[in-house]
Structure formats: C-alpha cells, structure tokens
Amino acid sequence: MTPYANLGGDSGVSNYEIGSNFIKVEFNTGAVYVYDDVKPGTSDLDQMKALAISGVGLNSFISRHVRSNFAYKE
C-alpha cells in the first residue's frame, strides 16, 4: 500500500492502493475497506482515487459522500 500524504494533517486514512477498478483504503484503526466501480460507483471511485493521489480530502469525502457504500471490508 501507498502511505497517504495527509496534507491536511488530521486524516483518518493511513494508506491506500489503487487498481484499475478499485481503491483499498486503510484507516488509522487498521481497518481496510475496498471501494469499486459498483460500490460506490465509477464517479465516486474516480474522485476517491484523485483525492488519494493528491493527499488531501479522502477521509472527508468518504465520511460525507460514500459512508458505508463500500464493496467489502478486508
């Protein structure tokens, strides 16, 4: 996994992994959630990938828009 830059300084996200049709997000608790092109869908997935790469806003986006709409928890 790639360490999340956390440029905002207060993210609950620690690491992420991007695939062609998914993103895995590891939170500071150690929990890993997988989001894909079905759950939450392509539009949200693309936004999450961009936020992960930019290193800011991913946790907020998940909290506000995606919530529990994930494919599965590892």
PDB file of N, CA and C in Angstrom:
ATOM      1  N   MET A   1       0.836  -1.187   0.000  1.00  0.00           N
ATOM      2  CA  MET A   1       0.000   0.000   0.000  1.00  0.00           C
ATOM      3  C   MET A   1       0.881   1.251   0.000  1.00  0.00           C
ATOM      4  N   THR A   2       0.295   2.313  -0.472  1.00  0.00           N
ATOM      5  CA  THR A   2       0.983   3.596  -0.536  1.00  0.00           C
ATOM      6  C   THR A   2       0.583   4.442   0.672  1.00  0.00           C
ATOM      7  N   PRO A   3       1.536   5.009   1.383  1.00  0.00           N
ATOM      8  CA  PRO A   3       1.176   5.889   2.502  1.00  0.00           C
ATOM      9  C   PRO A   3       0.403   7.109   1.996  1.00  0.00           C
ATOM     10  N   TYR A   4      -0.667   7.432   2.709  1.00  0.00           N
ATOM     11  CA  TYR A   4      -1.464   8.607   2.377  1.00  0.00           C
ATOM     12  C   TYR A   4      -0.732   9.842   2.883  1.00  0.00           C
ATOM     13  N   ALA A   5      -0.577  10.863   2.037  1.00  0.00           N
ATOM     14  CA  ALA A   5       0.215  12.044   2.387  1.00  0.00           C
ATOM     15  C   ALA A   5      -0.377  12.840   3.546  1.00  0.00           C
ATOM     16  N   ASN A   6      -1.691  12.847   3.699  1.00  0.00           N
ATOM     17  CA  ASN A   6      -2.357  13.542   4.814  1.00  0.00           C
ATOM     18  C   ASN A   6      -1.888  14.997   4.931  1.00  0.00           C
ATOM     19  N   LEU A   7      -2.000  15.723   3.838  1.00  0.00           N
ATOM     20  CA  LEU A   7      -1.541  17.110   3.814  1.00  0.00           C
ATOM     21  C   LEU A   7      -2.376  18.012   4.716  1.00  0.00           C
ATOM     22  N   GLY A   8      -3.615  17.598   5.012  1.00  0.00           N
ATOM     23  CA  GLY A   8      -4.450  18.363   5.929  1.00  0.00           C
ATOM     24  C   GLY A   8      -4.072  18.150   7.383  1.00  0.00           C
ATOM     25  N   GLY A   9      -3.346  17.076   7.656  1.00  0.00           N
ATOM     26  CA  GLY A   9      -2.830  16.816   8.991  1.00  0.00           C
ATOM     27  C   GLY A   9      -3.745  16.112   9.964  1.00  0.00           C
ATOM     28  N   ASP A  10      -4.995  15.856   9.589  1.00  0.00           N
ATOM     29  CA  ASP A  10      -5.912  15.257  10.554  1.00  0.00           C
ATOM     30  C   ASP A  10      -6.751  14.124   9.954  1.00  0.00           C
ATOM     31  N   SER A  11      -6.244  13.447   8.952  1.00  0.00           N
ATOM     32  CA  SER A  11      -6.996  12.405   8.263  1.00  0.00           C
ATOM     33  C   SER A  11      -7.050  11.116   9.064  1.00  0.00           C
ATOM     34  N   GLY A  12      -8.122  10.373   8.879  1.00  0.00           N
ATOM     35  CA  GLY A  12      -8.249   9.045   9.444  1.00  0.00           C
ATOM     36  C   GLY A  12      -7.701   7.977   8.514  1.00  0.00           C
ATOM     37  N   VAL A  13      -7.195   8.388   7.344  1.00  0.00           N
ATOM     38  CA  VAL A  13      -6.647   7.467   6.349  1.00  0.00           C
ATOM     39  C   VAL A  13      -5.138   7.372   6.528  1.00  0.00           C
ATOM     40  N   SER A  14      -4.615   6.146   6.510  1.00  0.00           N
ATOM     41  CA  SER A  14      -3.167   5.968   6.641  1.00  0.00           C
ATOM     42  C   SER A  14      -2.505   5.486   5.346  1.00  0.00           C
ATOM     43  N   ASN A  15      -3.188   4.615   4.588  1.00  0.00           N
ATOM     44  CA  ASN A  15      -2.618   4.046   3.367  1.00  0.00           C
ATOM     45  C   ASN A  15      -3.719   3.796   2.348  1.00  0.00           C
ATOM     46  N   TYR A  16      -3.311   3.637   1.090  1.00  0.00           N
ATOM     47  CA  TYR A  16      -4.267   3.299   0.046  1.00  0.00           C
ATOM     48  C   TYR A  16      -3.578   2.492  -1.044  1.00  0.00           C
ATOM     49  N   GLU A  17      -4.382   1.804  -1.834  1.00  0.00           N
ATOM     50  CA  GLU A  17      -3.890   1.065  -3.001  1.00  0.00           C
ATOM     51  C   GLU A  17      -4.900   1.262  -4.115  1.00  0.00           C
ATOM     52  N   ILE A  18      -4.432   1.688  -5.262  1.00  0.00           N
ATOM     53  CA  ILE A  18      -5.306   1.946  -6.400  1.00  0.00           C
ATOM     54  C   ILE A  18      -5.129   0.860  -7.450  1.00  0.00           C
ATOM     55  N   GLY A  19      -6.263   0.318  -7.904  1.00  0.00           N
ATOM     56  CA  GLY A  19      -6.288  -0.621  -9.017  1.00  0.00           C
ATOM     57  C   GLY A  19      -7.129  -0.041 -10.141  1.00  0.00           C
ATOM     58  N   SER A  20      -7.258  -0.758 -11.231  1.00  0.00           N
ATOM     59  CA  SER A  20      -7.999  -0.223 -12.377  1.00  0.00           C
ATOM     60  C   SER A  20      -9.467   0.034 -12.052  1.00  0.00           C
ATOM     61  N   ASN A  21     -10.078  -0.821 -11.228  1.00  0.00           N
ATOM     62  CA  ASN A  21     -11.495  -0.634 -10.914  1.00  0.00           C
ATOM     63  C   ASN A  21     -11.783  -0.661  -9.411  1.00  0.00           C
ATOM     64  N   PHE A  22     -10.774  -0.313  -8.601  1.00  0.00           N
ATOM     65  CA  PHE A  22     -10.978  -0.294  -7.155  1.00  0.00           C
ATOM     66  C   PHE A  22      -9.972   0.636  -6.478  1.00  0.00           C
ATOM     67  N   ILE A  23     -10.275   0.939  -5.228  1.00  0.00           N
ATOM     68  CA  ILE A  23      -9.311   1.554  -4.331  1.00  0.00           C
ATOM     69  C   ILE A  23      -9.488   0.887  -2.976  1.00  0.00           C
ATOM     70  N   LYS A  24      -8.376   0.496  -2.371  1.00  0.00           N
ATOM     71  CA  LYS A  24      -8.372  -0.007  -0.997  1.00  0.00           C
ATOM     72  C   LYS A  24      -7.917   1.143  -0.121  1.00  0.00           C
ATOM     73  N   VAL A  25      -8.631   1.346   0.958  1.00  0.00           N
ATOM     74  CA  VAL A  25      -8.285   2.419   1.885  1.00  0.00           C
ATOM     75  C   VAL A  25      -8.079   1.815   3.266  1.00  0.00           C
ATOM     76  N   GLU A  26      -6.889   2.051   3.827  1.00  0.00           N
ATOM     77  CA  GLU A  26      -6.605   1.615   5.198  1.00  0.00           C
ATOM     78  C   GLU A  26      -6.720   2.831   6.105  1.00  0.00           C
ATOM     79  N   PHE A  27      -7.539   2.669   7.143  1.00  0.00           N
ATOM     80  CA  PHE A  27      -7.731   3.742   8.102  1.00  0.00           C
ATOM     81  C   PHE A  27      -6.760   3.590   9.260  1.00  0.00           C
ATOM     82  N   ASN A  28      -6.617   4.624  10.055  1.00  0.00           N
ATOM     83  CA  ASN A  28      -5.689   4.605  11.187  1.00  0.00           C
ATOM     84  C   ASN A  28      -6.003   3.498  12.183  1.00  0.00           C
ATOM     85  N   THR A  29      -7.229   3.006  12.181  1.00  0.00           N
ATOM     86  CA  THR A  29      -7.630   1.911  13.066  1.00  0.00           C
ATOM     87  C   THR A  29      -7.082   0.570  12.609  1.00  0.00           C
ATOM     88  N   GLY A  30      -6.573   0.524  11.371  1.00  0.00           N
ATOM     89  CA  GLY A  30      -6.094  -0.724  10.785  1.00  0.00           C
ATOM     90  C   GLY A  30      -7.120  -1.383   9.885  1.00  0.00           C
ATOM     91  N   ALA A  31      -8.354  -0.904   9.912  1.00  0.00           N
ATOM     92  CA  ALA A  31      -9.405  -1.455   9.054  1.00  0.00           C
ATOM     93  C   ALA A  31      -9.130  -1.087   7.595  1.00  0.00           C
ATOM     94  N   VAL A  32      -9.359  -2.058   6.703  1.00  0.00           N
ATOM     95  CA  VAL A  32      -9.157  -1.840   5.272  1.00  0.00           C
ATOM     96  C   VAL A  32     -10.487  -2.066   4.556  1.00  0.00           C
ATOM     97  N   TYR A  33     -10.915  -1.055   3.797  1.00  0.00           N
ATOM     98  CA  TYR A  33     -12.150  -1.118   3.041  1.00  0.00           C
ATOM     99  C   TYR A  33     -11.834  -1.030   1.560  1.00  0.00           C
ATOM    100  N   VAL A  34     -12.569  -1.789   0.773  1.00  0.00           N
ATOM    101  CA  VAL A  34     -12.396  -1.784  -0.669  1.00  0.00           C
ATOM    102  C   VAL A  34     -13.631  -1.146  -1.301  1.00  0.00           C
ATOM    103  N   TYR A  35     -13.380  -0.174  -2.153  1.00  0.00           N
ATOM    104  CA  TYR A  35     -14.418   0.535  -2.893  1.00  0.00           C
ATOM    105  C   TYR A  35     -14.167   0.256  -4.365  1.00  0.00           C
ATOM    106  N   ASP A  36     -15.242   0.008  -5.140  1.00  0.00           N
ATOM    107  CA  ASP A  36     -15.022  -0.325  -6.550  1.00  0.00           C
ATOM    108  C   ASP A  36     -16.007   0.386  -7.463  1.00  0.00           C
ATOM    109  N   ASP A  37     -16.002  -0.010  -8.734  1.00  0.00           N
ATOM    110  CA  ASP A  37     -16.835   0.666  -9.725  1.00  0.00           C
ATOM    111  C   ASP A  37     -18.317   0.345  -9.589  1.00  0.00           C
ATOM    112  N   VAL A  38     -18.659  -0.605  -8.730  1.00  0.00           N
ATOM    113  CA  VAL A  38     -20.059  -0.911  -8.449  1.00  0.00           C
ATOM    114  C   VAL A  38     -20.497  -0.220  -7.162  1.00  0.00           C
ATOM    115  N   LYS A  39     -19.697  -0.382  -6.123  1.00  0.00           N
ATOM    116  CA  LYS A  39     -19.977   0.254  -4.824  1.00  0.00           C
ATOM    117  C   LYS A  39     -18.761   1.042  -4.399  1.00  0.00           C
ATOM    118  N   PRO A  40     -18.759   2.309  -4.482  1.00  0.00           N
ATOM    119  CA  PRO A  40     -19.871   3.252  -4.599  1.00  0.00           C
ATOM    120  C   PRO A  40     -20.201   3.674  -6.022  1.00  0.00           C
ATOM    121  N   GLY A  41     -19.457   3.190  -7.020  1.00  0.00           N
ATOM    122  CA  GLY A  41     -19.701   3.570  -8.415  1.00  0.00           C
ATOM    123  C   GLY A  41     -18.522   4.323  -9.005  1.00  0.00           C
ATOM    124  N   THR A  42     -18.515   4.401 -10.313  1.00  0.00           N
ATOM    125  CA  THR A  42     -17.378   4.957 -11.043  1.00  0.00           C
ATOM    126  C   THR A  42     -17.084   6.411 -10.691  1.00  0.00           C
ATOM    127  N   SER A  43     -18.106   7.228 -10.597  1.00  0.00           N
ATOM    128  CA  SER A  43     -17.895   8.647 -10.331  1.00  0.00           C
ATOM    129  C   SER A  43     -17.223   8.867  -8.974  1.00  0.00           C
ATOM    130  N   ASP A  44     -17.769   8.244  -7.928  1.00  0.00           N
ATOM    131  CA  ASP A  44     -17.165   8.369  -6.594  1.00  0.00           C
ATOM    132  C   ASP A  44     -15.793   7.724  -6.549  1.00  0.00           C
ATOM    133  N   LEU A  45     -15.640   6.592  -7.211  1.00  0.00           N
ATOM    134  CA  LEU A  45     -14.347   5.901  -7.244  1.00  0.00           C
ATOM    135  C   LEU A  45     -13.276   6.791  -7.868  1.00  0.00           C
ATOM    136  N   ASP A  46     -13.598   7.416  -8.986  1.00  0.00           N
ATOM    137  CA  ASP A  46     -12.628   8.301  -9.642  1.00  0.00           C
ATOM    138  C   ASP A  46     -12.251   9.472  -8.739  1.00  0.00           C
ATOM    139  N   GLN A  47     -13.228  10.020  -8.038  1.00  0.00           N
ATOM    140  CA  GLN A  47     -12.961  11.121  -7.112  1.00  0.00           C
ATOM    141  C   GLN A  47     -12.070  10.650  -5.959  1.00  0.00           C
ATOM    142  N   MET A  48     -12.338   9.466  -5.432  1.00  0.00           N
ATOM    143  CA  MET A  48     -11.534   8.927  -4.330  1.00  0.00           C
ATOM    144  C   MET A  48     -10.091   8.687  -4.767  1.00  0.00           C
ATOM    145  N   LYS A  49      -9.899   8.188  -5.975  1.00  0.00           N
ATOM    146  CA  LYS A  49      -8.545   7.976  -6.496  1.00  0.00           C
ATOM    147  C   LYS A  49      -7.793   9.298  -6.588  1.00  0.00           C
ATOM    148  N   ALA A  50      -8.462  10.304  -7.110  1.00  0.00           N
ATOM    149  CA  ALA A  50      -7.823  11.617  -7.258  1.00  0.00           C
ATOM    150  C   ALA A  50      -7.459  12.207  -5.903  1.00  0.00           C
ATOM    151  N   LEU A  51      -8.347  12.074  -4.936  1.00  0.00           N
ATOM    152  CA  LEU A  51      -8.080  12.595  -3.596  1.00  0.00           C
ATOM    153  C   LEU A  51      -6.936  11.836  -2.926  1.00  0.00           C
ATOM    154  N   ALA A  52      -6.884  10.525  -3.123  1.00  0.00           N
ATOM    155  CA  ALA A  52      -5.798   9.727  -2.545  1.00  0.00           C
ATOM    156  C   ALA A  52      -4.454  10.184  -3.100  1.00  0.00           C
ATOM    157  N   ILE A  53      -4.400  10.369  -4.396  1.00  0.00           N
ATOM    158  CA  ILE A  53      -3.153  10.793  -5.037  1.00  0.00           C
ATOM    159  C   ILE A  53      -2.755  12.197  -4.584  1.00  0.00           C
ATOM    160  N   SER A  54      -3.734  13.075  -4.437  1.00  0.00           N
ATOM    161  CA  SER A  54      -3.432  14.456  -4.025  1.00  0.00           C
ATOM    162  C   SER A  54      -3.049  14.543  -2.547  1.00  0.00           C
ATOM    163  N   GLY A  55      -3.457  13.558  -1.754  1.00  0.00           N
ATOM    164  CA  GLY A  55      -3.070  13.518  -0.344  1.00  0.00           C
ATOM    165  C   GLY A  55      -3.904  14.381   0.578  1.00  0.00           C
ATOM    166  N   VAL A  56      -5.065  14.813   0.106  1.00  0.00           N
ATOM    167  CA  VAL A  56      -5.919  15.650   0.946  1.00  0.00           C
ATOM    168  C   VAL A  56      -7.392  15.434   0.586  1.00  0.00           C
ATOM    169  N   GLY A  57      -8.243  15.307   1.620  1.00  0.00           N
ATOM    170  CA  GLY A  57      -9.683  15.251   1.423  1.00  0.00           C
ATOM    171  C   GLY A  57     -10.316  13.884   1.304  1.00  0.00           C
ATOM    172  N   LEU A  58      -9.535  12.821   1.306  1.00  0.00           N
ATOM    173  CA  LEU A  58     -10.102  11.490   1.102  1.00  0.00           C
ATOM    174  C   LEU A  58     -11.006  11.069   2.256  1.00  0.00           C
ATOM    175  N   ASN A  59     -10.551  11.213   3.477  1.00  0.00           N
ATOM    176  CA  ASN A  59     -11.359  10.815   4.622  1.00  0.00           C
ATOM    177  C   ASN A  59     -12.667  11.606   4.670  1.00  0.00           C
ATOM    178  N   SER A  60     -12.594  12.901   4.430  1.00  0.00           N
ATOM    179  CA  SER A  60     -13.792  13.749   4.431  1.00  0.00           C
ATOM    180  C   SER A  60     -14.764  13.323   3.340  1.00  0.00           C
ATOM    181  N   PHE A  61     -14.261  13.018   2.158  1.00  0.00           N
ATOM    182  CA  PHE A  61     -15.121  12.597   1.053  1.00  0.00           C
ATOM    183  C   PHE A  61     -15.832  11.298   1.410  1.00  0.00           C
ATOM    184  N   ILE A  62     -15.094  10.347   1.978  1.00  0.00           N
ATOM    185  CA  ILE A  62     -15.709   9.076   2.370  1.00  0.00           C
ATOM    186  C   ILE A  62     -16.776   9.319   3.432  1.00  0.00           C
ATOM    187  N   SER A  63     -16.468  10.130   4.422  1.00  0.00           N
ATOM    188  CA  SER A  63     -17.418  10.408   5.510  1.00  0.00           C
ATOM    189  C   SER A  63     -18.680  11.107   5.022  1.00  0.00           C
ATOM    190  N   ARG A  64     -18.526  12.014   4.096  1.00  0.00           N
ATOM    191  CA  ARG A  64     -19.662  12.831   3.652  1.00  0.00           C
ATOM    192  C   ARG A  64     -20.462  12.229   2.518  1.00  0.00           C
ATOM    193  N   HIS A  65     -19.811  11.515   1.593  1.00  0.00           N
ATOM    194  CA  HIS A  65     -20.489  11.066   0.383  1.00  0.00           C
ATOM    195  C   HIS A  65     -20.637   9.550   0.252  1.00  0.00           C
ATOM    196  N   VAL A  66     -19.647   8.824   0.674  1.00  0.00           N
ATOM    197  CA  VAL A  66     -19.629   7.378   0.434  1.00  0.00           C
ATOM    198  C   VAL A  66     -20.182   6.599   1.629  1.00  0.00           C
ATOM    199  N   ARG A  67     -19.782   6.999   2.807  1.00  0.00           N
ATOM    200  CA  ARG A  67     -20.198   6.368   4.068  1.00  0.00           C
ATOM    201  C   ARG A  67     -20.001   4.869   4.019  1.00  0.00           C
ATOM    202  N   SER A  68     -21.060   4.086   4.173  1.00  0.00           N
ATOM    203  CA  SER A  68     -20.915   2.624   4.237  1.00  0.00           C
ATOM    204  C   SER A  68     -21.147   1.955   2.886  1.00  0.00           C
ATOM    205  N   ASN A  69     -21.101   2.705   1.812  1.00  0.00           N
ATOM    206  CA  ASN A  69     -21.310   2.155   0.475  1.00  0.00           C
ATOM    207  C   ASN A  69     -19.996   1.637  -0.106  1.00  0.00           C
ATOM    208  N   PHE A  70     -19.430   0.609   0.552  1.00  0.00           N
ATOM    209  CA  PHE A  70     -18.177   0.001   0.110  1.00  0.00           C
ATOM    210  C   PHE A  70     -18.448  -1.403  -0.402  1.00  0.00           C
ATOM    211  N   ALA A  71     -17.521  -1.926  -1.198  1.00  0.00           N
ATOM    212  CA  ALA A  71     -17.679  -3.268  -1.766  1.00  0.00           C
ATOM    213  C   ALA A  71     -17.534  -4.340  -0.690  1.00  0.00           C
ATOM    214  N   TYR A  72     -16.459  -4.238   0.086  1.00  0.00           N
ATOM    215  CA  TYR A  72     -16.245  -5.172   1.194  1.00  0.00           C
ATOM    216  C   TYR A  72     -15.144  -4.659   2.104  1.00  0.00           C
ATOM    217  N   LYS A  73     -15.091  -5.248   3.286  1.00  0.00           N
ATOM    218  CA  LYS A  73     -14.066  -4.931   4.270  1.00  0.00           C
ATOM    219  C   LYS A  73     -13.116  -6.113   4.349  1.00  0.00           C
ATOM    220  N   GLU A  74     -11.831  -5.831   4.342  1.00  0.00           N
ATOM    221  CA  GLU A  74     -10.834  -6.913   4.446  1.00  0.00           C
ATOM    222  C   GLU A  74     -10.548  -7.258   5.888  1.00  0.00           C
TER     223      GLU A  74
END
